[in-house]
Amino acid sequence: MDLTARLKSDPNDVEAMYALESSPDPEAVSMLVAATSVTDQRSPIALTLGRIAMKRPQVVAENRDAMALLVSLLGHKSQMVRAIAAYALGCTKSKKAIGPLRAVLDDKDAVVQENARKGLEQLGAAKP
């Protein structure tokens, strides 16, 4: 069974989520986003989207739902999920990430703040 089929049959299959990061198919991003409607596994989804954004930023940047998911994850209760989302948004090099990244510059967690600062630097939108 291929990875997308595995994730369709079991949206909580964390191993399949992680394996999707190496899939060249842009549909992998859509599968991860779709999984959020039926699972509460935000950490592996955020991590996998972050890794995809590092390797193939345009695939994430061009997926409106993936970008919206990353922005929404900036408000997640888990510091790790927020930090990964901030990092991933910076990797996309999408100007749409500027506002959301600026909004978390004052996050209560220093790692989230730092990832937001780095993301804004990558986008050429860092404040002096």
Protein backbone atom coordinates (compact mmCIF):
# COMPACT_ATOMS: atom_id res chain seq x y z
CA MET A 1 0.00 0.00 0.00
CA ASP A 2 1.41 3.41 -0.90
CA LEU A 3 1.80 6.14 1.69
CA THR A 4 -1.15 8.26 0.63
CA ALA A 5 -3.41 5.20 0.70
CA ARG A 6 -2.10 4.33 4.16
CA LEU A 7 -2.81 7.81 5.42
CA LYS A 8 -6.28 7.76 3.87
CA SER A 9 -7.07 4.48 5.59
CA ASP A 10 -5.52 5.53 8.91
CA PRO A 11 -5.15 9.30 9.45
CA ASN A 12 -3.32 8.58 12.72
CA ASP A 13 -0.52 6.67 10.94
CA VAL A 14 2.37 8.83 12.13
CA GLU A 15 4.92 6.68 10.29
CA ALA A 16 3.12 7.36 7.00
CA MET A 17 3.02 11.10 7.79
CA TYR A 18 6.77 11.20 8.33
CA ALA A 19 7.44 9.11 5.23
CA LEU A 20 5.44 11.53 3.07
CA GLU A 21 8.19 14.12 3.45
CA SER A 22 10.30 12.31 0.87
CA SER A 23 7.44 11.88 -1.58
CA PRO A 24 7.97 13.93 -4.75
CA ASP A 25 4.20 14.08 -5.22
CA PRO A 26 2.78 17.52 -4.31
CA GLU A 27 -0.36 15.65 -3.29
CA ALA A 28 1.53 14.55 -0.16
CA VAL A 29 1.08 18.05 1.24
CA SER A 30 -2.64 17.93 0.54
CA MET A 31 -2.86 14.54 2.26
CA LEU A 32 -1.24 15.93 5.39
CA VAL A 33 -3.59 18.88 5.43
CA ALA A 34 -6.60 16.62 4.90
CA ALA A 35 -5.50 14.45 7.81
CA THR A 36 -6.05 17.37 10.19
CA SER A 37 -9.79 17.06 9.71
CA VAL A 38 -9.84 13.56 11.19
CA THR A 39 -6.90 13.41 13.60
CA ASP A 40 -5.45 15.45 16.43
CA GLN A 41 -1.88 14.49 15.50
CA ARG A 42 -0.67 18.07 14.97
CA SER A 43 2.96 17.52 15.99
CA PRO A 44 3.85 14.98 13.27
CA ILE A 45 1.84 16.91 10.69
CA ALA A 46 3.64 20.16 11.57
CA LEU A 47 7.01 18.43 11.58
CA THR A 48 6.42 16.79 8.21
CA LEU A 49 5.16 20.02 6.64
CA GLY A 50 8.22 21.77 8.06
CA ARG A 51 10.56 19.23 6.54
CA ILE A 52 8.80 19.44 3.19
CA ALA A 53 9.02 23.25 3.36
CA MET A 54 12.78 22.96 3.94
CA LYS A 55 13.32 20.66 0.95
CA ARG A 56 10.63 21.85 -1.45
CA PRO A 57 9.38 25.23 -0.21
CA GLN A 58 7.33 26.06 -3.27
CA VAL A 59 5.22 22.91 -2.88
CA VAL A 60 4.05 24.15 0.51
CA ALA A 61 3.88 27.82 -0.50
CA GLU A 62 1.66 27.02 -3.48
CA ASN A 63 -0.79 25.01 -1.38
CA ARG A 64 -3.20 27.53 0.12
CA ASP A 65 -4.55 25.01 2.63
CA ALA A 66 -1.05 24.07 3.81
CA MET A 67 -0.17 27.71 4.33
CA ALA A 68 -3.42 28.29 6.23
CA LEU A 69 -2.70 25.23 8.37
CA LEU A 70 0.80 26.46 9.22
CA VAL A 71 -0.58 29.88 10.14
CA SER A 72 -3.21 28.27 12.38
CA LEU A 73 -0.52 26.12 14.03
CA LEU A 74 1.22 29.31 15.19
CA GLY A 75 -1.54 29.45 17.81
CA HIS A 76 -1.23 25.81 18.92
CA LYS A 77 -0.86 25.09 22.64
CA SER A 78 2.39 23.17 22.04
CA GLN A 79 5.54 25.28 21.86
CA MET A 80 7.11 22.68 19.58
CA VAL A 81 4.25 22.85 17.07
CA ARG A 82 4.33 26.68 17.09
CA ALA A 83 8.11 26.71 16.60
CA ILE A 84 7.97 24.25 13.72
CA ALA A 85 5.15 26.19 12.07
CA ALA A 86 7.12 29.44 12.33
CA TYR A 87 10.20 27.79 10.87
CA ALA A 88 8.22 26.18 8.04
CA LEU A 89 6.53 29.46 7.13
CA GLY A 90 9.91 31.14 6.82
CA CYS A 91 11.17 28.33 4.60
CA THR A 92 8.31 28.82 2.14
CA LYS A 93 9.63 32.29 1.24
CA SER A 94 5.99 33.30 0.74
CA LYS A 95 5.22 36.95 1.41
CA LYS A 96 1.91 35.72 2.85
CA ALA A 97 3.87 34.49 5.87
CA ILE A 98 5.12 37.95 6.88
CA GLY A 99 2.07 39.08 8.87
CA PRO A 100 1.61 35.81 10.77
CA LEU A 101 5.33 35.62 11.59
CA ARG A 102 5.36 39.19 12.86
CA ALA A 103 2.38 38.33 15.05
CA VAL A 104 4.36 35.67 16.93
CA LEU A 105 7.49 37.73 17.51
CA ASP A 106 6.16 38.24 21.01
CA ASP A 107 5.22 34.59 21.62
CA LYS A 108 5.80 33.46 25.21
CA ASP A 109 8.41 30.97 23.97
CA ALA A 110 11.88 32.13 22.90
CA VAL A 111 12.27 29.37 20.27
CA VAL A 112 9.05 30.44 18.55
CA GLN A 113 10.22 34.06 18.64
CA GLU A 114 13.61 33.11 17.19
CA ASN A 115 12.09 30.99 14.42
CA ALA A 116 9.75 33.85 13.54
CA ARG A 117 12.72 36.27 13.41
CA LYS A 118 14.70 33.88 11.20
CA GLY A 119 11.69 33.38 8.95
CA LEU A 120 11.26 37.11 8.53
CA GLU A 121 14.96 37.40 7.69
CA GLN A 122 14.55 34.73 4.99
CA LEU A 123 11.64 36.72 3.62
CA GLY A 124 13.62 39.95 3.65
CA ALA A 125 11.12 41.41 6.12
CA ALA A 126 13.15 41.53 9.33
CA LYS A 127 12.83 44.67 11.37
CA PRO A 128 16.12 46.30 12.37
